[in-house]
Amino acid sequence: MLPQHSDIEIAWYASIQQEPNGWKTVTTQFYIQEFSEYIAPLQDAVDLEIATEEERSVAGGME
């Protein structure tokens, strides 16, 4: 499942680091760290839906 545009944008802004010299930077490490917080729940939801569908298939075949 692909993340929504809003998830990408939220992760981007959350990964901005304020440097001591006043610059704002985004590193790949911080961006991936923030972004993974949105991807993991999405993957869990997909896995749950797949498991639920499989249970329905098995239960439907037993009737």
PDB file of N, CA and C in Angstrom:
ATOM      1  N   MET A   1       0.845  -1.170   0.000  1.00  0.00           N
ATOM      2  CA  MET A   1       0.000   0.000   0.000  1.00  0.00           C
ATOM      3  C   MET A   1       0.892   1.236   0.000  1.00  0.00           C
ATOM      4  N   LEU A   2       0.563   2.170  -0.843  1.00  0.00           N
ATOM      5  CA  LEU A   2       1.340   3.391  -0.937  1.00  0.00           C
ATOM      6  C   LEU A   2       0.878   4.397   0.112  1.00  0.00           C
ATOM      7  N   PRO A   3       1.834   5.135   0.662  1.00  0.00           N
ATOM      8  CA  PRO A   3       1.448   6.156   1.635  1.00  0.00           C
ATOM      9  C   PRO A   3       0.729   7.304   0.939  1.00  0.00           C
ATOM     10  N   GLN A   4      -0.090   7.995   1.666  1.00  0.00           N
ATOM     11  CA  GLN A   4      -0.765   9.159   1.118  1.00  0.00           C
ATOM     12  C   GLN A   4       0.211  10.321   1.069  1.00  0.00           C
ATOM     13  N   HIS A   5      -0.076  11.267   0.179  1.00  0.00           N
ATOM     14  CA  HIS A   5       0.786  12.437   0.032  1.00  0.00           C
ATOM     15  C   HIS A   5       0.959  13.157   1.373  1.00  0.00           C
ATOM     16  N   SER A   6      -0.100  13.216   2.157  1.00  0.00           N
ATOM     17  CA  SER A   6      -0.014  13.911   3.448  1.00  0.00           C
ATOM     18  C   SER A   6       0.967  13.219   4.394  1.00  0.00           C
ATOM     19  N   ASP A   7       1.060  11.876   4.324  1.00  0.00           N
ATOM     20  CA  ASP A   7       2.017  11.144   5.162  1.00  0.00           C
ATOM     21  C   ASP A   7       3.446  11.512   4.794  1.00  0.00           C
ATOM     22  N   ILE A   8       3.698  11.636   3.507  1.00  0.00           N
ATOM     23  CA  ILE A   8       5.034  11.997   3.025  1.00  0.00           C
ATOM     24  C   ILE A   8       5.391  13.401   3.494  1.00  0.00           C
ATOM     25  N   GLU A   9       4.455  14.315   3.352  1.00  0.00           N
ATOM     26  CA  GLU A   9       4.700  15.705   3.739  1.00  0.00           C
ATOM     27  C   GLU A   9       4.910  15.843   5.247  1.00  0.00           C
ATOM     28  N   ILE A  10       4.103  15.161   6.029  1.00  0.00           N
ATOM     29  CA  ILE A  10       4.248  15.209   7.492  1.00  0.00           C
ATOM     30  C   ILE A  10       5.615  14.679   7.908  1.00  0.00           C
ATOM     31  N   ALA A  11       6.033  13.566   7.319  1.00  0.00           N
ATOM     32  CA  ALA A  11       7.344  12.994   7.640  1.00  0.00           C
ATOM     33  C   ALA A  11       8.462  13.945   7.241  1.00  0.00           C
ATOM     34  N   TRP A  12       8.294  14.619   6.096  1.00  0.00           N
ATOM     35  CA  TRP A  12       9.312  15.571   5.630  1.00  0.00           C
ATOM     36  C   TRP A  12       9.491  16.695   6.655  1.00  0.00           C
ATOM     37  N   TYR A  13       8.401  17.333   7.047  1.00  0.00           N
ATOM     38  CA  TYR A  13       8.501  18.445   7.994  1.00  0.00           C
ATOM     39  C   TYR A  13       8.970  17.981   9.368  1.00  0.00           C
ATOM     40  N   ALA A  14       8.606  16.789   9.767  1.00  0.00           N
ATOM     41  CA  ALA A  14       9.041  16.267  11.062  1.00  0.00           C
ATOM     42  C   ALA A  14      10.535  15.959  11.078  1.00  0.00           C
ATOM     43  N   SER A  15      11.123  15.732   9.903  1.00  0.00           N
ATOM     44  CA  SER A  15      12.539  15.366   9.839  1.00  0.00           C
ATOM     45  C   SER A  15      13.469  16.571   9.701  1.00  0.00           C
ATOM     46  N   ILE A  16      12.930  17.762   9.625  1.00  0.00           N
ATOM     47  CA  ILE A  16      13.764  18.963   9.507  1.00  0.00           C
ATOM     48  C   ILE A  16      14.494  19.198  10.830  1.00  0.00           C
ATOM     49  N   GLN A  17      15.792  19.357  10.721  1.00  0.00           N
ATOM     50  CA  GLN A  17      16.641  19.597  11.891  1.00  0.00           C
ATOM     51  C   GLN A  17      17.163  21.033  11.853  1.00  0.00           C
ATOM     52  N   GLN A  18      17.106  21.717  12.976  1.00  0.00           N
ATOM     53  CA  GLN A  18      17.648  23.074  13.089  1.00  0.00           C
ATOM     54  C   GLN A  18      19.122  22.959  13.474  1.00  0.00           C
ATOM     55  N   GLU A  19      19.995  23.446  12.618  1.00  0.00           N
ATOM     56  CA  GLU A  19      21.436  23.394  12.874  1.00  0.00           C
ATOM     57  C   GLU A  19      21.848  24.561  13.779  1.00  0.00           C
ATOM     58  N   PRO A  20      22.979  24.425  14.494  1.00  0.00           N
ATOM     59  CA  PRO A  20      23.452  25.508  15.369  1.00  0.00           C
ATOM     60  C   PRO A  20      23.691  26.824  14.622  1.00  0.00           C
ATOM     61  N   ASN A  21      24.052  26.739  13.333  1.00  0.00           N
ATOM     62  CA  ASN A  21      24.314  27.956  12.566  1.00  0.00           C
ATOM     63  C   ASN A  21      23.029  28.588  12.015  1.00  0.00           C
ATOM     64  N   GLY A  22      21.867  27.999  12.340  1.00  0.00           N
ATOM     65  CA  GLY A  22      20.594  28.555  11.903  1.00  0.00           C
ATOM     66  C   GLY A  22      20.006  27.886  10.674  1.00  0.00           C
ATOM     67  N   TRP A  23      20.801  27.092   9.984  1.00  0.00           N
ATOM     68  CA  TRP A  23      20.296  26.411   8.793  1.00  0.00           C
ATOM     69  C   TRP A  23      19.335  25.304   9.192  1.00  0.00           C
ATOM     70  N   LYS A  24      18.418  25.023   8.311  1.00  0.00           N
ATOM     71  CA  LYS A  24      17.510  23.894   8.500  1.00  0.00           C
ATOM     72  C   LYS A  24      17.885  22.841   7.469  1.00  0.00           C
ATOM     73  N   THR A  25      18.083  21.618   7.940  1.00  0.00           N
ATOM     74  CA  THR A  25      18.494  20.542   7.042  1.00  0.00           C
ATOM     75  C   THR A  25      17.618  19.310   7.245  1.00  0.00           C
ATOM     76  N   VAL A  26      17.577  18.498   6.198  1.00  0.00           N
ATOM     77  CA  VAL A  26      16.908  17.199   6.258  1.00  0.00           C
ATOM     78  C   VAL A  26      17.913  16.171   5.774  1.00  0.00           C
ATOM     79  N   THR A  27      18.182  15.173   6.599  1.00  0.00           N
ATOM     80  CA  THR A  27      19.059  14.093   6.172  1.00  0.00           C
ATOM     81  C   THR A  27      18.200  12.880   5.831  1.00  0.00           C
ATOM     82  N   THR A  28      18.744  12.041   4.998  1.00  0.00           N
ATOM     83  CA  THR A  28      18.027  10.823   4.616  1.00  0.00           C
ATOM     84  C   THR A  28      17.704   9.996   5.848  1.00  0.00           C
ATOM     85  N   GLN A  29      18.640   9.901   6.766  1.00  0.00           N
ATOM     86  CA  GLN A  29      18.452   9.104   7.981  1.00  0.00           C
ATOM     87  C   GLN A  29      17.239   9.578   8.781  1.00  0.00           C
ATOM     88  N   PHE A  30      17.145  10.869   9.032  1.00  0.00           N
ATOM     89  CA  PHE A  30      16.020  11.387   9.818  1.00  0.00           C
ATOM     90  C   PHE A  30      14.704  11.276   9.059  1.00  0.00           C
ATOM     91  N   TYR A  31      14.760  11.495   7.738  1.00  0.00           N
ATOM     92  CA  TYR A  31      13.532  11.394   6.943  1.00  0.00           C
ATOM     93  C   TYR A  31      12.992   9.966   6.955  1.00  0.00           C
ATOM     94  N   ILE A  32      13.866   8.994   6.720  1.00  0.00           N
ATOM     95  CA  ILE A  32      13.442   7.588   6.719  1.00  0.00           C
ATOM     96  C   ILE A  32      12.931   7.189   8.102  1.00  0.00           C
ATOM     97  N   GLN A  33      13.580   7.671   9.135  1.00  0.00           N
ATOM     98  CA  GLN A  33      13.147   7.376  10.508  1.00  0.00           C
ATOM     99  C   GLN A  33      11.727   7.898  10.740  1.00  0.00           C
ATOM    100  N   GLU A  34      11.458   9.124  10.354  1.00  0.00           N
ATOM    101  CA  GLU A  34      10.118   9.697  10.527  1.00  0.00           C
ATOM    102  C   GLU A  34       9.108   8.999   9.618  1.00  0.00           C
ATOM    103  N   PHE A  35       9.506   8.759   8.384  1.00  0.00           N
ATOM    104  CA  PHE A  35       8.606   8.155   7.406  1.00  0.00           C
ATOM    105  C   PHE A  35       8.221   6.738   7.802  1.00  0.00           C
ATOM    106  N   SER A  36       9.151   6.006   8.402  1.00  0.00           N
ATOM    107  CA  SER A  36       8.868   4.624   8.795  1.00  0.00           C
ATOM    108  C   SER A  36       7.782   4.553   9.867  1.00  0.00           C
ATOM    109  N   GLU A  37       7.616   5.621  10.634  1.00  0.00           N
ATOM    110  CA  GLU A  37       6.545   5.650  11.632  1.00  0.00           C
ATOM    111  C   GLU A  37       5.168   5.640  10.973  1.00  0.00           C
ATOM    112  N   TYR A  38       5.084   6.108   9.731  1.00  0.00           N
ATOM    113  CA  TYR A  38       3.817   6.110   9.002  1.00  0.00           C
ATOM    114  C   TYR A  38       3.646   4.840   8.194  1.00  0.00           C
ATOM    115  N   ILE A  39       4.736   4.259   7.716  1.00  0.00           N
ATOM    116  CA  ILE A  39       4.664   3.058   6.885  1.00  0.00           C
ATOM    117  C   ILE A  39       4.313   1.838   7.725  1.00  0.00           C
ATOM    118  N   ALA A  40       4.888   1.686   8.907  1.00  0.00           N
ATOM    119  CA  ALA A  40       4.631   0.506   9.739  1.00  0.00           C
ATOM    120  C   ALA A  40       3.148   0.347  10.059  1.00  0.00           C
ATOM    121  N   PRO A  41       2.446   1.382  10.495  1.00  0.00           N
ATOM    122  CA  PRO A  41       1.007   1.206  10.747  1.00  0.00           C
ATOM    123  C   PRO A  41       0.229   0.856   9.477  1.00  0.00           C
ATOM    124  N   LEU A  42       0.646   1.399   8.332  1.00  0.00           N
ATOM    125  CA  LEU A  42      -0.025   1.058   7.077  1.00  0.00           C
ATOM    126  C   LEU A  42       0.168  -0.411   6.754  1.00  0.00           C
ATOM    127  N   GLN A  43       1.391  -0.905   6.920  1.00  0.00           N
ATOM    128  CA  GLN A  43       1.664  -2.310   6.626  1.00  0.00           C
ATOM    129  C   GLN A  43       0.910  -3.212   7.592  1.00  0.00           C
ATOM    130  N   ASP A  44       0.824  -2.832   8.852  1.00  0.00           N
ATOM    131  CA  ASP A  44       0.055  -3.610   9.830  1.00  0.00           C
ATOM    132  C   ASP A  44      -1.412  -3.689   9.423  1.00  0.00           C
ATOM    133  N   ALA A  45      -1.964  -2.583   8.949  1.00  0.00           N
ATOM    134  CA  ALA A  45      -3.363  -2.565   8.517  1.00  0.00           C
ATOM    135  C   ALA A  45      -3.573  -3.476   7.314  1.00  0.00           C
ATOM    136  N   VAL A  46      -2.630  -3.462   6.378  1.00  0.00           N
ATOM    137  CA  VAL A  46      -2.729  -4.330   5.203  1.00  0.00           C
ATOM    138  C   VAL A  46      -2.646  -5.786   5.630  1.00  0.00           C
ATOM    139  N   ASP A  47      -1.695  -6.113   6.496  1.00  0.00           N
ATOM    140  CA  ASP A  47      -1.550  -7.495   6.964  1.00  0.00           C
ATOM    141  C   ASP A  47      -2.808  -7.970   7.678  1.00  0.00           C
ATOM    142  N   LEU A  48      -3.412  -7.112   8.483  1.00  0.00           N
ATOM    143  CA  LEU A  48      -4.633  -7.465   9.194  1.00  0.00           C
ATOM    144  C   LEU A  48      -5.767  -7.723   8.210  1.00  0.00           C
ATOM    145  N   GLU A  49      -5.888  -6.891   7.196  1.00  0.00           N
ATOM    146  CA  GLU A  49      -6.951  -7.066   6.200  1.00  0.00           C
ATOM    147  C   GLU A  49      -6.757  -8.363   5.427  1.00  0.00           C
ATOM    148  N   ILE A  50      -5.516  -8.685   5.065  1.00  0.00           N
ATOM    149  CA  ILE A  50      -5.239  -9.935   4.347  1.00  0.00           C
ATOM    150  C   ILE A  50      -5.596 -11.122   5.229  1.00  0.00           C
ATOM    151  N   ALA A  51      -5.206 -11.076   6.503  1.00  0.00           N
ATOM    152  CA  ALA A  51      -5.518 -12.172   7.426  1.00  0.00           C
ATOM    153  C   ALA A  51      -7.026 -12.326   7.579  1.00  0.00           C
ATOM    154  N   THR A  52      -7.736 -11.232   7.670  1.00  0.00           N
ATOM    155  CA  THR A  52      -9.190 -11.273   7.818  1.00  0.00           C
ATOM    156  C   THR A  52      -9.836 -11.884   6.582  1.00  0.00           C
ATOM    157  N   GLU A  53      -9.370 -11.522   5.400  1.00  0.00           N
ATOM    158  CA  GLU A  53      -9.905 -12.078   4.155  1.00  0.00           C
ATOM    159  C   GLU A  53      -9.655 -13.581   4.084  1.00  0.00           C
ATOM    160  N   GLU A  54      -8.470 -14.018   4.505  1.00  0.00           N
ATOM    161  CA  GLU A  54      -8.158 -15.451   4.491  1.00  0.00           C
ATOM    162  C   GLU A  54      -9.074 -16.204   5.450  1.00  0.00           C
ATOM    163  N   GLU A  55      -9.346 -15.623   6.611  1.00  0.00           N
ATOM    164  CA  GLU A  55     -10.248 -16.261   7.574  1.00  0.00           C
ATOM    165  C   GLU A  55     -11.660 -16.364   7.007  1.00  0.00           C
ATOM    166  N   ARG A  56     -12.094 -15.344   6.301  1.00  0.00           N
ATOM    167  CA  ARG A  56     -13.421 -15.383   5.685  1.00  0.00           C
ATOM    168  C   ARG A  56     -13.484 -16.464   4.616  1.00  0.00           C
ATOM    169  N   SER A  57     -12.404 -16.607   3.852  1.00  0.00           N
ATOM    170  CA  SER A  57     -12.368 -17.619   2.797  1.00  0.00           C
ATOM    171  C   SER A  57     -12.463 -19.016   3.391  1.00  0.00           C
ATOM    172  N   VAL A  58     -11.708 -19.258   4.448  1.00  0.00           N
ATOM    173  CA  VAL A  58     -11.711 -20.569   5.093  1.00  0.00           C
ATOM    174  C   VAL A  58     -13.080 -20.838   5.708  1.00  0.00           C
ATOM    175  N   ALA A  59     -13.635 -19.870   6.400  1.00  0.00           N
ATOM    176  CA  ALA A  59     -14.944 -20.043   7.034  1.00  0.00           C
ATOM    177  C   ALA A  59     -16.034 -20.233   5.985  1.00  0.00           C
ATOM    178  N   GLY A  60     -15.925 -19.535   4.880  1.00  0.00           N
ATOM    179  CA  GLY A  60     -16.916 -19.668   3.822  1.00  0.00           C
ATOM    180  C   GLY A  60     -16.860 -21.019   3.149  1.00  0.00           C
ATOM    181  N   GLY A  61     -15.675 -21.595   3.058  1.00  0.00           N
ATOM    182  CA  GLY A  61     -15.515 -22.900   2.432  1.00  0.00           C
ATOM    183  C   GLY A  61     -15.996 -24.032   3.308  1.00  0.00           C
ATOM    184  N   MET A  62     -16.123 -23.795   4.603  1.00  0.00           N
ATOM    185  CA  MET A  62     -16.529 -24.847   5.530  1.00  0.00           C
ATOM    186  C   MET A  62     -18.048 -24.948   5.658  1.00  0.00           C
ATOM    187  N   GLU A  63     -18.755 -23.956   5.154  1.00  0.00           N
ATOM    188  CA  GLU A  63     -20.216 -23.960   5.305  1.00  0.00           C
ATOM    189  C   GLU A  63     -20.874 -24.906   4.343  1.00  0.00           C
TER     190      GLU A  63
END
